[in-house]
C-alpha atoms as a PDB file:
ATOM      1  CA  MET A   1     -13.953  -2.082 -33.932  1.00  0.00           C
ATOM      2  CA  PRO A   2     -15.088   0.208 -31.076  1.00  0.00           C
ATOM      3  CA  LEU A   3     -12.767   0.553 -28.172  1.00  0.00           C
ATOM      4  CA  THR A   4     -15.159  -1.020 -25.680  1.00  0.00           C
ATOM      5  CA  ILE A   5     -15.414  -4.199 -27.727  1.00  0.00           C
ATOM      6  CA  TYR A   6     -11.626  -4.293 -28.068  1.00  0.00           C
ATOM      7  CA  ALA A   7     -11.161  -3.830 -24.300  1.00  0.00           C
ATOM      8  CA  PHE A   8     -13.687  -6.577 -23.597  1.00  0.00           C
ATOM      9  CA  ASP A   9     -11.991  -8.991 -26.000  1.00  0.00           C
ATOM     10  CA  LEU A  10      -8.604  -8.143 -24.509  1.00  0.00           C
ATOM     11  CA  ARG A  11      -9.857  -8.769 -20.988  1.00  0.00           C
ATOM     12  CA  VAL A  12     -11.400 -12.122 -22.031  1.00  0.00           C
ATOM     13  CA  GLY A  13      -8.175 -13.142 -23.732  1.00  0.00           C
ATOM     14  CA  VAL A  14      -6.040 -12.272 -20.681  1.00  0.00           C
ATOM     15  CA  GLN A  15      -8.393 -14.188 -18.388  1.00  0.00           C
ATOM     16  CA  LYS A  16      -8.172 -17.226 -20.664  1.00  0.00           C
ATOM     17  CA  ALA A  17      -4.362 -17.028 -20.792  1.00  0.00           C
ATOM     18  CA  ARG A  18      -4.126 -16.690 -17.015  1.00  0.00           C
ATOM     19  CA  ALA A  19      -6.365 -19.756 -16.559  1.00  0.00           C
ATOM     20  CA  GLU A  20      -3.984 -21.684 -18.859  1.00  0.00           C
ATOM     21  CA  GLY A  21      -0.937 -20.381 -16.958  1.00  0.00           C
ATOM     22  CA  LYS A  22       0.476 -18.507 -19.952  1.00  0.00           C
ATOM     23  CA  TYR A  23       0.029 -14.929 -18.719  1.00  0.00           C
ATOM     24  CA  LYS A  24       1.709 -13.913 -15.494  1.00  0.00           C
ATOM     25  CA  GLY A  25       1.970 -10.149 -15.971  1.00  0.00           C
ATOM     26  CA  ARG A  26       4.988  -7.874 -15.954  1.00  0.00           C
ATOM     27  CA  VAL A  27       7.941  -8.852 -13.767  1.00  0.00           C
ATOM     28  CA  PRO A  28       8.732  -6.122 -11.204  1.00  0.00           C
ATOM     29  CA  THR A  29      12.351  -5.273 -11.997  1.00  0.00           C
ATOM     30  CA  ALA A  30      13.104  -2.342  -9.676  1.00  0.00           C
ATOM     31  CA  ILE A  31      12.100  -4.223  -6.531  1.00  0.00           C
ATOM     32  CA  LYS A  32      14.765  -6.828  -7.264  1.00  0.00           C
ATOM     33  CA  GLN A  33      17.323  -4.047  -6.730  1.00  0.00           C
ATOM     34  CA  ALA A  34      15.953  -2.942  -3.351  1.00  0.00           C
ATOM     35  CA  ASP A  35      18.943  -4.299  -1.448  1.00  0.00           C
ATOM     36  CA  LYS A  36      21.318  -2.400  -3.740  1.00  0.00           C
ATOM     37  CA  VAL A  37      19.372   0.838  -3.272  1.00  0.00           C
ATOM     38  CA  LYS A  38      19.408   0.469   0.499  1.00  0.00           C
ATOM     39  CA  SER A  39      23.103  -0.305   0.636  1.00  0.00           C
ATOM     40  CA  LEU A  40      24.004   2.676  -1.539  1.00  0.00           C
ATOM     41  CA  VAL A  41      21.784   4.988   0.577  1.00  0.00           C
ATOM     42  CA  GLU A  42      23.450   3.712   3.748  1.00  0.00           C
ATOM     43  CA  ALA A  43      26.833   4.419   2.140  1.00  0.00           C
ATOM     44  CA  GLY A  44      25.774   8.012   1.701  1.00  0.00           C
ATOM     45  CA  VAL A  45      25.336   8.073  -2.087  1.00  0.00           C
ATOM     46  CA  GLN A  46      22.972  10.829  -3.311  1.00  0.00           C
ATOM     47  CA  ARG A  47      19.541   9.898  -4.654  1.00  0.00           C
ATOM     48  CA  ALA A  48      20.248  11.078  -8.212  1.00  0.00           C
ATOM     49  CA  VAL A  49      23.422   9.047  -8.399  1.00  0.00           C
ATOM     50  CA  VAL A  50      21.676   5.889  -7.129  1.00  0.00           C
ATOM     51  CA  MET A  51      18.891   6.359  -9.671  1.00  0.00           C
ATOM     52  CA  ALA A  52      21.373   6.833 -12.510  1.00  0.00           C
ATOM     53  CA  GLN A  53      23.557   3.855 -11.523  1.00  0.00           C
ATOM     54  CA  LEU A  54      20.629   1.477 -11.222  1.00  0.00           C
ATOM     55  CA  SER A  55      18.510   3.020 -14.060  1.00  0.00           C
ATOM     56  CA  ILE A  56      15.373   3.377 -11.901  1.00  0.00           C
ATOM     57  CA  SER A  57      12.868   6.186 -11.542  1.00  0.00           C
ATOM     58  CA  LYS A  58      12.319   8.369  -8.493  1.00  0.00           C
ATOM     59  CA  ALA A  59       9.115   6.476  -7.691  1.00  0.00           C
ATOM     60  CA  SER A  60      10.947   3.142  -7.895  1.00  0.00           C
ATOM     61  CA  TYR A  61      13.736   4.531  -5.692  1.00  0.00           C
ATOM     62  CA  TYR A  62      11.303   5.412  -2.921  1.00  0.00           C
ATOM     63  CA  ARG A  63       9.395   2.166  -3.379  1.00  0.00           C
ATOM     64  CA  CYS A  64      12.633   0.210  -2.876  1.00  0.00           C
ATOM     65  CA  LEU A  65      13.330   2.076   0.346  1.00  0.00           C
ATOM     66  CA  LYS A  66       9.928   1.038   1.731  1.00  0.00           C
ATOM     67  CA  VAL A  67      10.538  -2.669   1.099  1.00  0.00           C
END
């Protein structure tokens, strides 16, 4: 099956599942920890330590600071 047909079928399937309320997408997990990130930064904890403690990436770290 060519990739374009597969992508089309996948897109159709996702649209159908969304219409039925079965597909909601991935839950954003790092943003749920935004308050923890901000509190640790305010406490003076270094970026690398915050990222390691909360198991988040550098991009998620900065995204949490913007929220």
